[in-house]
N, C-alpha and C. Protein backbone atom coordinates (compact mmCIF):
# COMPACT_ATOMS: atom_id res chain seq x y z
N MET A 1 -9.85 -12.13 -11.47
CA MET A 1 -9.30 -10.80 -11.68
C MET A 1 -9.10 -10.12 -10.32
N ARG A 2 -7.94 -9.52 -10.15
CA ARG A 2 -7.66 -8.80 -8.92
C ARG A 2 -8.44 -7.50 -8.88
N ARG A 3 -8.90 -7.16 -7.69
CA ARG A 3 -9.63 -5.90 -7.51
C ARG A 3 -8.79 -4.98 -6.64
N PHE A 4 -8.70 -3.73 -7.03
CA PHE A 4 -7.96 -2.73 -6.29
C PHE A 4 -8.89 -1.56 -6.00
N PHE A 5 -8.96 -1.15 -4.76
CA PHE A 5 -9.72 0.03 -4.40
C PHE A 5 -8.98 0.74 -3.29
N LYS A 6 -8.85 2.03 -3.41
CA LYS A 6 -8.21 2.81 -2.36
C LYS A 6 -8.73 4.23 -2.45
N ARG A 7 -8.98 4.81 -1.32
CA ARG A 7 -9.39 6.20 -1.27
C ARG A 7 -8.59 6.87 -0.17
N GLN A 8 -7.91 7.94 -0.53
CA GLN A 8 -7.19 8.75 0.44
C GLN A 8 -7.90 10.09 0.51
N GLY A 9 -8.45 10.40 1.67
CA GLY A 9 -9.14 11.66 1.85
C GLY A 9 -8.22 12.70 2.45
N PHE A 10 -8.44 13.94 2.07
CA PHE A 10 -7.63 15.05 2.56
C PHE A 10 -8.53 16.09 3.19
N GLY A 11 -8.14 16.62 4.31
CA GLY A 11 -8.94 17.64 4.98
C GLY A 11 -9.84 17.03 6.03
N LYS A 12 -10.54 17.88 6.75
CA LYS A 12 -11.42 17.43 7.83
C LYS A 12 -12.66 16.71 7.31
N LYS A 13 -13.14 17.12 6.13
CA LYS A 13 -14.33 16.51 5.54
C LYS A 13 -13.94 15.75 4.29
N GLN A 14 -14.65 14.68 3.99
CA GLN A 14 -14.38 13.89 2.79
C GLN A 14 -14.50 14.73 1.52
N GLU A 15 -15.31 15.79 1.58
CA GLU A 15 -15.53 16.62 0.39
C GLU A 15 -14.34 17.54 0.09
N ASP A 16 -13.39 17.67 1.02
CA ASP A 16 -12.26 18.56 0.82
C ASP A 16 -11.34 18.10 -0.32
N GLY A 17 -11.35 16.84 -0.61
CA GLY A 17 -10.53 16.32 -1.69
C GLY A 17 -10.10 14.90 -1.39
N ALA A 18 -9.81 14.15 -2.45
CA ALA A 18 -9.40 12.77 -2.28
C ALA A 18 -8.68 12.29 -3.53
N VAL A 19 -7.91 11.24 -3.36
CA VAL A 19 -7.37 10.50 -4.49
C VAL A 19 -8.06 9.15 -4.45
N LEU A 20 -8.65 8.77 -5.57
CA LEU A 20 -9.43 7.55 -5.65
C LEU A 20 -8.82 6.63 -6.69
N PHE A 21 -8.51 5.40 -6.26
CA PHE A 21 -8.02 4.38 -7.19
C PHE A 21 -9.06 3.28 -7.28
N THR A 22 -9.39 2.89 -8.50
CA THR A 22 -10.25 1.74 -8.72
C THR A 22 -9.41 0.68 -9.42
N THR A 23 -10.01 -0.41 -9.82
CA THR A 23 -9.23 -1.49 -10.42
C THR A 23 -8.45 -1.03 -11.65
N ASN A 24 -9.04 -0.16 -12.47
CA ASN A 24 -8.38 0.23 -13.72
C ASN A 24 -8.04 1.70 -13.84
N GLU A 25 -8.49 2.53 -12.89
CA GLU A 25 -8.32 3.98 -13.05
C GLU A 25 -7.90 4.62 -11.74
N GLY A 26 -7.48 5.87 -11.85
CA GLY A 26 -7.18 6.68 -10.69
C GLY A 26 -7.63 8.11 -10.95
N PHE A 27 -8.12 8.79 -9.90
CA PHE A 27 -8.63 10.15 -10.05
C PHE A 27 -8.20 11.00 -8.87
N ASP A 28 -7.92 12.25 -9.17
CA ASP A 28 -7.74 13.27 -8.15
C ASP A 28 -9.09 14.00 -8.08
N VAL A 29 -9.80 13.85 -6.96
CA VAL A 29 -11.16 14.36 -6.85
C VAL A 29 -11.16 15.61 -5.96
N THR A 30 -11.68 16.72 -6.52
CA THR A 30 -11.82 17.96 -5.77
C THR A 30 -13.20 18.54 -6.06
N TYR A 31 -13.46 19.71 -5.51
CA TYR A 31 -14.75 20.35 -5.77
C TYR A 31 -14.88 20.73 -7.25
N ARG A 32 -13.77 20.81 -7.98
CA ARG A 32 -13.81 21.15 -9.41
C ARG A 32 -14.25 19.98 -10.28
N GLY A 33 -14.01 18.75 -9.78
CA GLY A 33 -14.34 17.56 -10.54
C GLY A 33 -13.32 16.47 -10.29
N ALA A 34 -13.31 15.49 -11.17
CA ALA A 34 -12.40 14.34 -11.06
C ALA A 34 -11.41 14.38 -12.21
N LYS A 35 -10.15 14.54 -11.88
CA LYS A 35 -9.11 14.58 -12.90
C LYS A 35 -8.43 13.21 -12.96
N PRO A 36 -8.49 12.53 -14.13
CA PRO A 36 -7.83 11.23 -14.24
C PRO A 36 -6.33 11.35 -13.99
N LEU A 37 -5.79 10.39 -13.24
CA LEU A 37 -4.36 10.37 -12.99
C LEU A 37 -3.63 9.78 -14.19
N ALA A 38 -2.39 10.12 -14.34
CA ALA A 38 -1.58 9.60 -15.44
C ALA A 38 -1.48 8.08 -15.33
N ASP A 39 -1.39 7.41 -16.47
CA ASP A 39 -1.34 5.95 -16.51
C ASP A 39 -0.19 5.40 -15.68
N ASP A 40 0.97 6.09 -15.69
CA ASP A 40 2.11 5.58 -14.92
C ASP A 40 1.85 5.65 -13.41
N LYS A 41 1.07 6.61 -12.96
CA LYS A 41 0.71 6.71 -11.53
C LYS A 41 -0.22 5.57 -11.13
N VAL A 42 -1.16 5.24 -12.00
CA VAL A 42 -2.09 4.13 -11.73
C VAL A 42 -1.32 2.81 -11.72
N GLN A 43 -0.40 2.64 -12.68
CA GLN A 43 0.41 1.43 -12.73
C GLN A 43 1.30 1.31 -11.50
N GLN A 44 1.87 2.42 -11.05
CA GLN A 44 2.70 2.41 -9.85
C GLN A 44 1.88 2.02 -8.62
N PHE A 45 0.64 2.53 -8.53
CA PHE A 45 -0.25 2.15 -7.44
C PHE A 45 -0.51 0.64 -7.46
N ARG A 46 -0.78 0.09 -8.63
CA ARG A 46 -1.04 -1.35 -8.75
C ARG A 46 0.17 -2.16 -8.30
N GLU A 47 1.35 -1.77 -8.76
CA GLU A 47 2.57 -2.51 -8.38
C GLU A 47 2.84 -2.39 -6.88
N THR A 48 2.67 -1.21 -6.34
CA THR A 48 2.87 -1.01 -4.90
C THR A 48 1.89 -1.88 -4.11
N THR A 49 0.64 -1.94 -4.55
CA THR A 49 -0.37 -2.75 -3.87
C THR A 49 -0.03 -4.23 -3.96
N LEU A 50 0.39 -4.71 -5.13
CA LEU A 50 0.71 -6.12 -5.29
C LEU A 50 1.89 -6.54 -4.42
N HIS A 51 2.77 -5.60 -4.06
CA HIS A 51 3.92 -5.90 -3.22
C HIS A 51 3.67 -5.62 -1.74
N ASP A 52 2.54 -5.05 -1.39
CA ASP A 52 2.27 -4.67 0.00
C ASP A 52 1.97 -5.90 0.86
N ILE A 53 2.69 -6.07 1.95
CA ILE A 53 2.54 -7.25 2.80
C ILE A 53 1.12 -7.40 3.33
N PHE A 54 0.47 -6.30 3.69
CA PHE A 54 -0.88 -6.40 4.22
C PHE A 54 -1.87 -6.83 3.13
N TYR A 55 -1.67 -6.36 1.91
CA TYR A 55 -2.52 -6.78 0.78
C TYR A 55 -2.26 -8.26 0.46
N ILE A 56 -1.00 -8.65 0.50
CA ILE A 56 -0.66 -10.05 0.24
C ILE A 56 -1.34 -10.96 1.25
N LEU A 57 -1.25 -10.60 2.53
CA LEU A 57 -1.84 -11.46 3.56
C LEU A 57 -3.36 -11.48 3.51
N ARG A 58 -3.98 -10.38 3.12
CA ARG A 58 -5.45 -10.33 3.10
C ARG A 58 -6.06 -10.85 1.80
N GLU A 59 -5.45 -10.51 0.66
CA GLU A 59 -6.07 -10.78 -0.63
C GLU A 59 -5.36 -11.83 -1.49
N ARG A 60 -4.07 -12.04 -1.29
CA ARG A 60 -3.31 -12.87 -2.23
C ARG A 60 -2.81 -14.18 -1.63
N LEU A 61 -3.07 -14.42 -0.38
CA LEU A 61 -2.50 -15.56 0.32
C LEU A 61 -2.81 -16.90 -0.36
N GLN A 62 -4.01 -17.05 -0.90
CA GLN A 62 -4.41 -18.31 -1.54
C GLN A 62 -4.16 -18.32 -3.05
N GLU A 63 -3.52 -17.28 -3.55
CA GLU A 63 -3.27 -17.16 -4.98
C GLU A 63 -2.31 -18.26 -5.44
N PRO A 64 -2.59 -18.93 -6.56
CA PRO A 64 -1.65 -19.94 -7.07
C PRO A 64 -0.27 -19.33 -7.33
N GLY A 65 0.76 -20.01 -6.89
CA GLY A 65 2.13 -19.55 -7.13
C GLY A 65 2.73 -18.69 -6.04
N ILE A 66 1.97 -18.31 -5.02
CA ILE A 66 2.54 -17.52 -3.91
C ILE A 66 3.41 -18.44 -3.06
N GLU A 67 4.64 -18.04 -2.84
CA GLU A 67 5.57 -18.83 -2.03
C GLU A 67 6.27 -17.93 -1.02
N PHE A 68 6.48 -18.48 0.18
CA PHE A 68 7.17 -17.79 1.25
C PHE A 68 8.45 -18.56 1.55
N GLU A 69 9.55 -17.82 1.68
CA GLU A 69 10.83 -18.45 1.96
C GLU A 69 11.50 -17.71 3.11
N GLY A 70 11.77 -18.43 4.20
CA GLY A 70 12.48 -17.83 5.33
C GLY A 70 13.92 -17.56 4.96
N VAL A 71 14.39 -16.35 5.26
CA VAL A 71 15.75 -15.96 4.92
C VAL A 71 16.66 -16.04 6.14
N GLY A 72 16.10 -15.74 7.33
CA GLY A 72 16.89 -15.85 8.54
C GLY A 72 16.68 -14.68 9.48
N ALA A 73 17.32 -14.78 10.62
CA ALA A 73 17.20 -13.76 11.67
C ALA A 73 18.13 -12.59 11.38
N ASP A 74 17.74 -11.42 11.88
CA ASP A 74 18.54 -10.20 11.68
C ASP A 74 18.10 -9.18 12.72
N ILE A 75 18.74 -8.05 12.72
CA ILE A 75 18.34 -6.89 13.51
C ILE A 75 18.04 -5.77 12.54
N VAL A 76 16.81 -5.27 12.57
CA VAL A 76 16.39 -4.17 11.70
C VAL A 76 15.70 -3.13 12.56
N GLU A 77 16.16 -1.90 12.46
CA GLU A 77 15.60 -0.78 13.22
C GLU A 77 15.56 -1.11 14.71
N ASN A 78 16.68 -1.66 15.19
CA ASN A 78 16.88 -2.01 16.60
C ASN A 78 15.89 -3.05 17.11
N GLN A 79 15.40 -3.90 16.23
CA GLN A 79 14.46 -4.95 16.62
C GLN A 79 14.95 -6.29 16.09
N PRO A 80 14.78 -7.35 16.89
CA PRO A 80 15.08 -8.69 16.35
C PRO A 80 13.98 -9.05 15.36
N VAL A 81 14.38 -9.43 14.16
CA VAL A 81 13.41 -9.73 13.10
C VAL A 81 13.74 -11.05 12.42
N GLU A 82 12.75 -11.56 11.72
CA GLU A 82 12.92 -12.67 10.80
C GLU A 82 12.64 -12.12 9.41
N ALA A 83 13.53 -12.39 8.46
CA ALA A 83 13.36 -11.93 7.09
C ALA A 83 12.66 -13.03 6.29
N ILE A 84 11.70 -12.62 5.47
CA ILE A 84 10.93 -13.55 4.65
C ILE A 84 10.86 -13.00 3.23
N ASP A 85 11.19 -13.83 2.26
CA ASP A 85 11.01 -13.46 0.85
C ASP A 85 9.70 -14.06 0.38
N ILE A 86 8.91 -13.24 -0.33
CA ILE A 86 7.63 -13.68 -0.88
C ILE A 86 7.72 -13.55 -2.40
N TYR A 87 7.39 -14.64 -3.09
CA TYR A 87 7.40 -14.68 -4.54
C TYR A 87 6.00 -15.01 -5.03
N ASP A 88 5.64 -14.47 -6.22
CA ASP A 88 4.36 -14.86 -6.82
C ASP A 88 4.62 -15.52 -8.17
N ALA A 89 3.54 -15.96 -8.81
CA ALA A 89 3.64 -16.68 -10.08
C ALA A 89 4.22 -15.83 -11.21
N GLU A 90 4.15 -14.51 -11.06
CA GLU A 90 4.69 -13.62 -12.09
C GLU A 90 6.10 -13.15 -11.75
N ASN A 91 6.74 -13.86 -10.81
CA ASN A 91 8.12 -13.62 -10.38
C ASN A 91 8.31 -12.27 -9.70
N ARG A 92 7.25 -11.71 -9.11
CA ARG A 92 7.42 -10.54 -8.26
C ARG A 92 8.01 -11.04 -6.95
N ASN A 93 8.83 -10.21 -6.34
CA ASN A 93 9.46 -10.58 -5.08
C ASN A 93 9.41 -9.39 -4.13
N VAL A 94 9.09 -9.67 -2.88
CA VAL A 94 9.17 -8.66 -1.83
C VAL A 94 9.81 -9.32 -0.62
N ARG A 95 10.72 -8.61 0.01
CA ARG A 95 11.31 -9.09 1.27
C ARG A 95 10.65 -8.32 2.40
N VAL A 96 10.20 -9.07 3.41
CA VAL A 96 9.54 -8.49 4.57
C VAL A 96 10.30 -8.90 5.81
N TRP A 97 10.53 -7.94 6.69
CA TRP A 97 11.14 -8.20 7.98
C TRP A 97 10.05 -8.09 9.04
N VAL A 98 9.80 -9.18 9.77
CA VAL A 98 8.77 -9.17 10.81
C VAL A 98 9.44 -9.28 12.17
N ASN A 99 8.87 -8.55 13.14
CA ASN A 99 9.40 -8.58 14.50
C ASN A 99 9.35 -10.01 15.01
N ALA A 100 10.47 -10.49 15.55
CA ALA A 100 10.57 -11.88 16.00
C ALA A 100 9.70 -12.17 17.21
N ASP A 101 9.31 -11.15 17.97
CA ASP A 101 8.49 -11.36 19.16
C ASP A 101 7.00 -11.14 18.90
N THR A 102 6.66 -10.06 18.16
CA THR A 102 5.25 -9.70 17.95
C THR A 102 4.72 -10.16 16.60
N PHE A 103 5.59 -10.52 15.68
CA PHE A 103 5.24 -11.00 14.34
C PHE A 103 4.58 -9.93 13.47
N VAL A 104 4.75 -8.66 13.79
CA VAL A 104 4.21 -7.60 12.94
C VAL A 104 5.30 -7.15 11.96
N PRO A 105 4.91 -6.77 10.75
CA PRO A 105 5.91 -6.29 9.79
C PRO A 105 6.59 -5.01 10.28
N VAL A 106 7.89 -4.95 10.12
CA VAL A 106 8.69 -3.79 10.51
C VAL A 106 9.10 -3.01 9.26
N LYS A 107 9.42 -3.77 8.20
CA LYS A 107 9.95 -3.15 6.98
C LYS A 107 9.70 -4.11 5.82
N GLN A 108 9.54 -3.53 4.63
CA GLN A 108 9.48 -4.35 3.43
C GLN A 108 10.25 -3.66 2.32
N ARG A 109 10.76 -4.47 1.38
CA ARG A 109 11.53 -3.91 0.27
C ARG A 109 11.27 -4.71 -0.99
N TYR A 110 11.10 -4.00 -2.08
CA TYR A 110 11.04 -4.66 -3.39
C TYR A 110 11.70 -3.74 -4.40
N TYR A 111 11.99 -4.30 -5.56
CA TYR A 111 12.60 -3.54 -6.64
C TYR A 111 11.65 -3.52 -7.82
N ARG A 112 11.61 -2.39 -8.51
CA ARG A 112 10.79 -2.28 -9.71
C ARG A 112 11.59 -1.56 -10.79
N TYR A 113 11.29 -1.90 -12.02
CA TYR A 113 11.94 -1.25 -13.16
C TYR A 113 11.19 0.04 -13.45
N ASP A 114 11.94 1.13 -13.58
CA ASP A 114 11.36 2.43 -13.90
C ASP A 114 11.68 2.75 -15.35
N PRO A 115 10.67 2.70 -16.23
CA PRO A 115 10.94 2.93 -17.66
C PRO A 115 11.38 4.36 -17.97
N VAL A 116 11.07 5.31 -17.09
CA VAL A 116 11.46 6.71 -17.33
C VAL A 116 12.97 6.87 -17.25
N ILE A 117 13.59 6.27 -16.25
CA ILE A 117 15.05 6.40 -16.10
C ILE A 117 15.79 5.18 -16.63
N GLY A 118 15.04 4.12 -16.96
CA GLY A 118 15.66 2.92 -17.54
C GLY A 118 16.47 2.13 -16.54
N GLU A 119 16.13 2.22 -15.26
CA GLU A 119 16.88 1.49 -14.22
C GLU A 119 15.94 0.90 -13.20
N ARG A 120 16.52 0.02 -12.39
CA ARG A 120 15.80 -0.60 -11.29
C ARG A 120 15.81 0.32 -10.08
N ARG A 121 14.65 0.43 -9.41
CA ARG A 121 14.53 1.30 -8.24
C ARG A 121 14.16 0.47 -7.02
N GLU A 122 14.73 0.86 -5.88
CA GLU A 122 14.42 0.19 -4.62
C GLU A 122 13.29 0.93 -3.92
N GLU A 123 12.23 0.20 -3.57
CA GLU A 123 11.07 0.75 -2.87
C GLU A 123 11.03 0.12 -1.48
N VAL A 124 11.11 0.96 -0.43
CA VAL A 124 11.13 0.47 0.95
C VAL A 124 9.99 1.12 1.72
N THR A 125 9.32 0.32 2.55
CA THR A 125 8.26 0.82 3.42
C THR A 125 8.60 0.43 4.85
N HIS A 126 8.48 1.39 5.78
CA HIS A 126 8.71 1.17 7.21
C HIS A 126 7.38 1.25 7.93
N TYR A 127 7.13 0.30 8.83
CA TYR A 127 5.90 0.27 9.62
C TYR A 127 6.26 0.44 11.09
N THR A 128 5.71 1.48 11.73
CA THR A 128 6.01 1.73 13.14
C THR A 128 4.76 2.17 13.89
N THR A 129 4.91 2.38 15.17
CA THR A 129 3.85 2.86 16.06
C THR A 129 2.60 1.98 15.96
N TYR A 130 2.78 0.71 16.23
CA TYR A 130 1.65 -0.23 16.21
C TYR A 130 0.74 0.00 17.41
N ARG A 131 -0.57 -0.01 17.14
CA ARG A 131 -1.58 0.08 18.19
C ARG A 131 -2.74 -0.85 17.83
N MET A 132 -3.55 -1.16 18.83
CA MET A 132 -4.74 -1.98 18.58
C MET A 132 -5.72 -1.21 17.69
N ALA A 133 -6.24 -1.89 16.67
CA ALA A 133 -7.19 -1.26 15.75
C ALA A 133 -8.57 -1.90 15.88
N GLY A 134 -8.72 -2.84 16.79
CA GLY A 134 -9.99 -3.53 16.98
C GLY A 134 -9.89 -4.98 16.58
N ASN A 135 -10.75 -5.79 17.15
CA ASN A 135 -10.81 -7.23 16.84
C ASN A 135 -9.46 -7.93 17.04
N GLY A 136 -8.64 -7.43 17.98
CA GLY A 136 -7.34 -8.04 18.27
C GLY A 136 -6.28 -7.79 17.22
N ILE A 137 -6.50 -6.82 16.34
CA ILE A 137 -5.57 -6.54 15.24
C ILE A 137 -4.67 -5.36 15.60
N MET A 138 -3.37 -5.59 15.49
CA MET A 138 -2.40 -4.51 15.65
C MET A 138 -2.17 -3.91 14.27
N TRP A 139 -2.15 -2.55 14.21
CA TRP A 139 -1.99 -1.88 12.91
C TRP A 139 -0.99 -0.75 13.07
N PRO A 140 -0.11 -0.54 12.07
CA PRO A 140 0.87 0.55 12.17
C PRO A 140 0.20 1.91 12.00
N HIS A 141 0.50 2.83 12.89
CA HIS A 141 -0.07 4.18 12.79
C HIS A 141 0.89 5.14 12.10
N THR A 142 2.09 4.68 11.81
CA THR A 142 3.04 5.46 11.01
C THR A 142 3.59 4.55 9.93
N ILE A 143 3.40 4.98 8.68
CA ILE A 143 3.92 4.24 7.53
C ILE A 143 4.71 5.22 6.69
N SER A 144 5.99 4.93 6.50
CA SER A 144 6.81 5.82 5.67
C SER A 144 7.39 5.02 4.51
N ARG A 145 7.52 5.70 3.39
CA ARG A 145 8.04 5.06 2.17
C ARG A 145 9.25 5.84 1.67
N GLU A 146 10.16 5.09 1.08
CA GLU A 146 11.32 5.71 0.45
C GLU A 146 11.63 5.00 -0.86
N ARG A 147 12.19 5.77 -1.76
CA ARG A 147 12.61 5.25 -3.06
C ARG A 147 14.09 5.58 -3.20
N ASP A 148 14.88 4.54 -3.39
CA ASP A 148 16.33 4.71 -3.52
C ASP A 148 16.89 5.53 -2.37
N THR A 149 16.51 5.20 -1.16
CA THR A 149 16.93 5.81 0.12
C THR A 149 16.41 7.24 0.35
N GLU A 150 15.60 7.77 -0.55
CA GLU A 150 15.04 9.12 -0.38
C GLU A 150 13.57 9.00 0.03
N LYS A 151 13.21 9.63 1.15
CA LYS A 151 11.84 9.55 1.64
C LYS A 151 10.88 10.18 0.64
N THR A 152 9.82 9.43 0.31
CA THR A 152 8.83 9.92 -0.64
C THR A 152 7.51 10.27 0.03
N SER A 153 7.19 9.59 1.16
CA SER A 153 5.94 9.90 1.86
C SER A 153 5.98 9.36 3.27
N GLU A 154 5.14 9.95 4.10
CA GLU A 154 4.93 9.45 5.46
C GLU A 154 3.49 9.70 5.82
N MET A 155 2.84 8.67 6.34
CA MET A 155 1.45 8.79 6.74
C MET A 155 1.35 8.46 8.23
N ARG A 156 0.75 9.38 8.97
CA ARG A 156 0.52 9.17 10.39
C ARG A 156 -0.99 9.15 10.62
N SER A 157 -1.44 8.16 11.35
CA SER A 157 -2.87 8.02 11.62
C SER A 157 -3.16 8.31 13.08
N GLU A 158 -4.22 9.05 13.32
CA GLU A 158 -4.67 9.28 14.68
C GLU A 158 -5.47 8.08 15.18
N ARG A 159 -6.27 7.51 14.27
CA ARG A 159 -7.16 6.41 14.65
C ARG A 159 -7.32 5.49 13.46
N VAL A 160 -7.29 4.20 13.72
CA VAL A 160 -7.50 3.20 12.68
C VAL A 160 -8.53 2.21 13.21
N THR A 161 -9.50 1.87 12.37
CA THR A 161 -10.48 0.84 12.73
C THR A 161 -10.49 -0.20 11.62
N VAL A 162 -10.92 -1.40 11.96
CA VAL A 162 -10.96 -2.48 10.98
C VAL A 162 -12.37 -3.04 10.89
N ASN A 163 -12.66 -3.64 9.76
CA ASN A 163 -13.94 -4.30 9.50
C ASN A 163 -15.14 -3.36 9.63
N ASP A 164 -14.95 -2.08 9.32
CA ASP A 164 -16.08 -1.16 9.29
C ASP A 164 -16.89 -1.41 8.02
N ALA A 165 -18.17 -1.28 8.12
CA ALA A 165 -19.04 -1.43 6.94
C ALA A 165 -19.01 -0.11 6.16
N LEU A 166 -18.23 -0.08 5.12
CA LEU A 166 -18.12 1.12 4.29
C LEU A 166 -18.99 0.97 3.06
N PRO A 167 -19.69 2.02 2.68
CA PRO A 167 -20.53 1.92 1.48
C PRO A 167 -19.66 1.84 0.22
N ASP A 168 -20.10 1.05 -0.76
CA ASP A 168 -19.38 0.93 -2.03
C ASP A 168 -19.20 2.29 -2.70
N SER A 169 -20.16 3.19 -2.49
CA SER A 169 -20.11 4.50 -3.13
C SER A 169 -18.88 5.31 -2.71
N LEU A 170 -18.29 4.98 -1.57
CA LEU A 170 -17.09 5.68 -1.11
C LEU A 170 -15.93 5.46 -2.07
N PHE A 171 -15.96 4.33 -2.81
CA PHE A 171 -14.88 3.98 -3.73
C PHE A 171 -15.28 4.13 -5.19
N GLU A 172 -16.32 4.93 -5.41
CA GLU A 172 -16.79 5.23 -6.75
C GLU A 172 -16.86 6.73 -6.93
N LEU A 173 -16.76 7.17 -8.18
CA LEU A 173 -16.94 8.59 -8.44
C LEU A 173 -18.40 8.96 -8.19
N PRO A 174 -18.65 10.12 -7.60
CA PRO A 174 -20.03 10.55 -7.38
C PRO A 174 -20.77 10.70 -8.71
N ASN A 175 -22.05 10.38 -8.72
CA ASN A 175 -22.88 10.55 -9.93
C ASN A 175 -22.85 11.99 -10.37
N GLY A 176 -22.69 12.20 -11.66
CA GLY A 176 -22.75 13.55 -12.22
C GLY A 176 -21.49 14.38 -12.03
N ILE A 177 -20.43 13.82 -11.47
CA ILE A 177 -19.22 14.63 -11.26
C ILE A 177 -18.58 14.93 -12.62
N LYS A 178 -18.06 16.11 -12.73
CA LYS A 178 -17.41 16.55 -13.96
C LYS A 178 -16.05 15.84 -14.09
N ILE A 179 -15.81 15.21 -15.24
CA ILE A 179 -14.53 14.56 -15.50
C ILE A 179 -13.63 15.57 -16.21
N LEU A 180 -12.53 15.92 -15.57
CA LEU A 180 -11.60 16.91 -16.12
C LEU A 180 -10.61 16.24 -17.07
N LYS A 181 -9.87 17.05 -17.81
CA LYS A 181 -8.85 16.52 -18.71
C LYS A 181 -7.64 16.08 -17.91
N LYS A 182 -6.94 15.08 -18.44
CA LYS A 182 -5.69 14.58 -17.81
C LYS A 182 -4.66 15.66 -17.76
């Protein structure tokens, strides 16, 4: 079974608020309590994670049915890149463009069906401003996402570290927290 965990903190202190995703649920956590996220938001998080190149390389690389296919050289965002299509056993596909010199992802794109509008949507992620994050790992400090060419989010990081020992409790709801209505 795949495991999904993500916590996005907001504000200077972790207590200011967060969005917490676990394998089966999602919550908007504030001082008022934990409000469950809509099922479609949790499903969208799962699909986005399954298509994320960094998640694929860290968690899914040995998964049965994962295949990589070189598409060829190109220029993307003024960089020489190699395009790679990644397929899984459930026929998910993501195209990733990696810098031909540094081998870091520059951009990724996948399509998903949106049941609300009844059409296929293009999801694109751009990775820029790579810096050392520790242990010889380069990590993007700016990640922007767009849906159907419209920007939906941008995340800029001041500092990124890797392989930190984080307590499991960081990815769990606090004991006794009030669960609010959806």
